[in-house]
Amino acid sequence: GDQPPPGTNQVWRLQPYLREGTPTSIYGPAKLGKSWLALLFSLLIQSGQKFGSMEPLQGNVLYLDYEDDADAISSRIWALKKGLGIDPLVSINYRYGGGVLHADAERLGNEVADN
């Protein structure tokens, strides 16, 4: 009870879906569109462009890919940018995971700090 009322200190990276500093999971059956949704969120945040009720706080994005490859993700990004009218020069930082996350934590931390 000694905290401010709920919602008063929340910073949204992408309102109303992604709160700053809070982990978010997107889960569901295969072929549901989870990666497309993650790319949509990523492009909105990177560009700062509003879409429908989604209002991003612009910032840099690092997309960690543990499923596809750079070509597949690139073609999706181009399709989303074209469909949303996002500047073609907007790009997100992409990295193929290909392993276990904790084994790459230090290098990822450095990349995040640098960008």
Protein backbone atom coordinates (compact mmCIF):
# COMPACT_ATOMS: atom_id res chain seq x y z
CA GLY A 1 0.00 0.00 0.00
CA ASP A 2 2.97 2.36 0.11
CA GLN A 3 3.34 2.39 -3.70
CA PRO A 4 1.66 4.90 -6.04
CA PRO A 5 -1.70 3.82 -7.50
CA PRO A 6 -1.39 1.17 -10.22
CA GLY A 7 -0.50 2.55 -13.64
CA THR A 8 0.85 5.92 -12.51
CA ASN A 9 4.52 4.97 -12.86
CA GLN A 10 4.23 2.76 -15.93
CA VAL A 11 6.26 3.64 -18.98
CA TRP A 12 5.00 1.92 -22.12
CA ARG A 13 7.44 0.99 -24.87
CA LEU A 14 4.42 0.06 -27.00
CA GLN A 15 1.13 0.96 -25.42
CA PRO A 16 -0.95 -1.03 -24.54
CA TYR A 17 1.18 -4.16 -25.01
CA LEU A 18 4.80 -3.72 -23.93
CA ARG A 19 5.76 -2.05 -20.67
CA GLU A 20 9.29 -0.75 -20.35
CA GLY A 21 11.47 -2.96 -18.17
CA THR A 22 8.96 -5.79 -18.01
CA PRO A 23 9.44 -9.13 -19.77
CA THR A 24 6.74 -10.01 -22.27
CA SER A 25 6.12 -13.44 -23.78
CA ILE A 26 4.27 -14.15 -26.99
CA TYR A 27 3.26 -17.78 -27.07
CA GLY A 28 0.88 -20.07 -28.92
CA PRO A 29 0.74 -22.89 -31.45
CA ALA A 30 3.06 -22.99 -34.45
CA LYS A 31 2.13 -20.95 -37.54
CA LEU A 32 -0.03 -18.54 -35.55
CA GLY A 33 1.93 -15.40 -36.54
CA LYS A 34 3.93 -14.78 -33.38
CA SER A 35 7.08 -13.81 -35.29
CA TRP A 36 5.09 -11.47 -37.52
CA LEU A 37 3.63 -9.81 -34.42
CA ALA A 38 7.09 -9.47 -32.86
CA LEU A 39 8.38 -7.87 -36.06
CA LEU A 40 5.41 -5.50 -36.20
CA PHE A 41 6.08 -4.42 -32.62
CA SER A 42 9.80 -4.07 -33.41
CA LEU A 43 9.23 -1.88 -36.46
CA LEU A 44 6.74 0.36 -34.66
CA ILE A 45 9.18 0.89 -31.80
CA GLN A 46 12.18 1.43 -34.07
CA SER A 47 10.31 3.90 -36.30
CA GLY A 48 8.22 5.55 -33.57
CA GLN A 49 5.21 5.25 -35.87
CA LYS A 50 1.76 4.85 -34.33
CA PHE A 51 -0.47 2.10 -35.72
CA GLY A 52 -4.12 1.86 -34.69
CA SER A 53 -4.24 1.98 -30.90
CA MET A 54 -0.55 1.08 -30.59
CA GLU A 55 1.55 4.05 -29.52
CA PRO A 56 5.30 3.37 -29.42
CA LEU A 57 7.99 5.09 -27.46
CA GLN A 58 10.70 5.20 -30.13
CA GLY A 59 13.88 3.30 -29.39
CA ASN A 60 16.39 0.88 -30.81
CA VAL A 61 15.39 -2.76 -31.21
CA LEU A 62 17.49 -5.90 -31.17
CA TYR A 63 15.60 -8.82 -32.72
CA LEU A 64 16.96 -12.15 -31.50
CA ASP A 65 15.92 -14.91 -33.89
CA TYR A 66 15.93 -18.53 -32.75
CA GLU A 67 13.65 -19.92 -35.46
CA ASP A 68 14.16 -18.50 -38.93
CA ASP A 69 17.04 -17.01 -40.86
CA ALA A 70 18.03 -13.51 -41.90
CA ASP A 71 16.50 -13.83 -45.39
CA ALA A 72 13.09 -14.88 -44.08
CA ILE A 73 13.04 -12.11 -41.49
CA SER A 74 14.25 -9.53 -43.99
CA SER A 75 11.45 -10.33 -46.44
CA ARG A 76 8.88 -10.02 -43.64
CA ILE A 77 10.34 -6.70 -42.53
CA TRP A 78 10.18 -5.32 -46.08
CA ALA A 79 6.56 -6.47 -46.42
CA LEU A 80 5.59 -4.86 -43.11
CA LYS A 81 7.39 -1.60 -43.92
CA LYS A 82 5.67 -1.41 -47.29
CA GLY A 83 2.23 -2.21 -45.86
CA LEU A 84 2.57 0.23 -42.97
CA GLY A 85 4.22 2.99 -44.99
CA ILE A 86 7.32 2.95 -42.78
CA ASP A 87 10.40 4.63 -44.23
CA PRO A 88 12.45 1.99 -46.10
CA LEU A 89 15.59 3.26 -44.35
CA VAL A 90 14.25 2.21 -40.93
CA SER A 91 15.98 -0.95 -39.83
CA ILE A 92 16.18 -3.03 -36.69
CA ASN A 93 19.25 -4.72 -35.28
CA TYR A 94 18.99 -8.43 -36.11
CA ARG A 95 20.87 -11.32 -34.61
CA TYR A 96 20.42 -15.01 -35.21
CA GLY A 97 20.44 -16.80 -31.85
CA GLY A 98 21.35 -20.33 -32.86
CA GLY A 99 22.07 -21.70 -29.43
CA VAL A 100 21.18 -21.10 -25.83
CA LEU A 101 20.54 -17.56 -24.68
CA HIS A 102 22.51 -17.70 -21.44
CA ALA A 103 25.69 -18.75 -23.30
CA ASP A 104 25.55 -15.52 -25.30
CA ALA A 105 24.41 -13.22 -22.49
CA GLU A 106 27.63 -11.24 -22.08
CA ARG A 107 28.02 -10.55 -25.80
CA LEU A 108 24.34 -9.60 -26.09
CA GLY A 109 24.66 -7.29 -23.10
CA ASN A 110 27.57 -5.53 -24.78
CA GLU A 111 25.64 -5.21 -28.04
CA VAL A 112 22.63 -3.76 -26.25
CA ALA A 113 24.85 -1.27 -24.40
CA ASP A 114 26.54 -0.23 -27.65
CA ASN A 115 23.26 0.33 -29.47
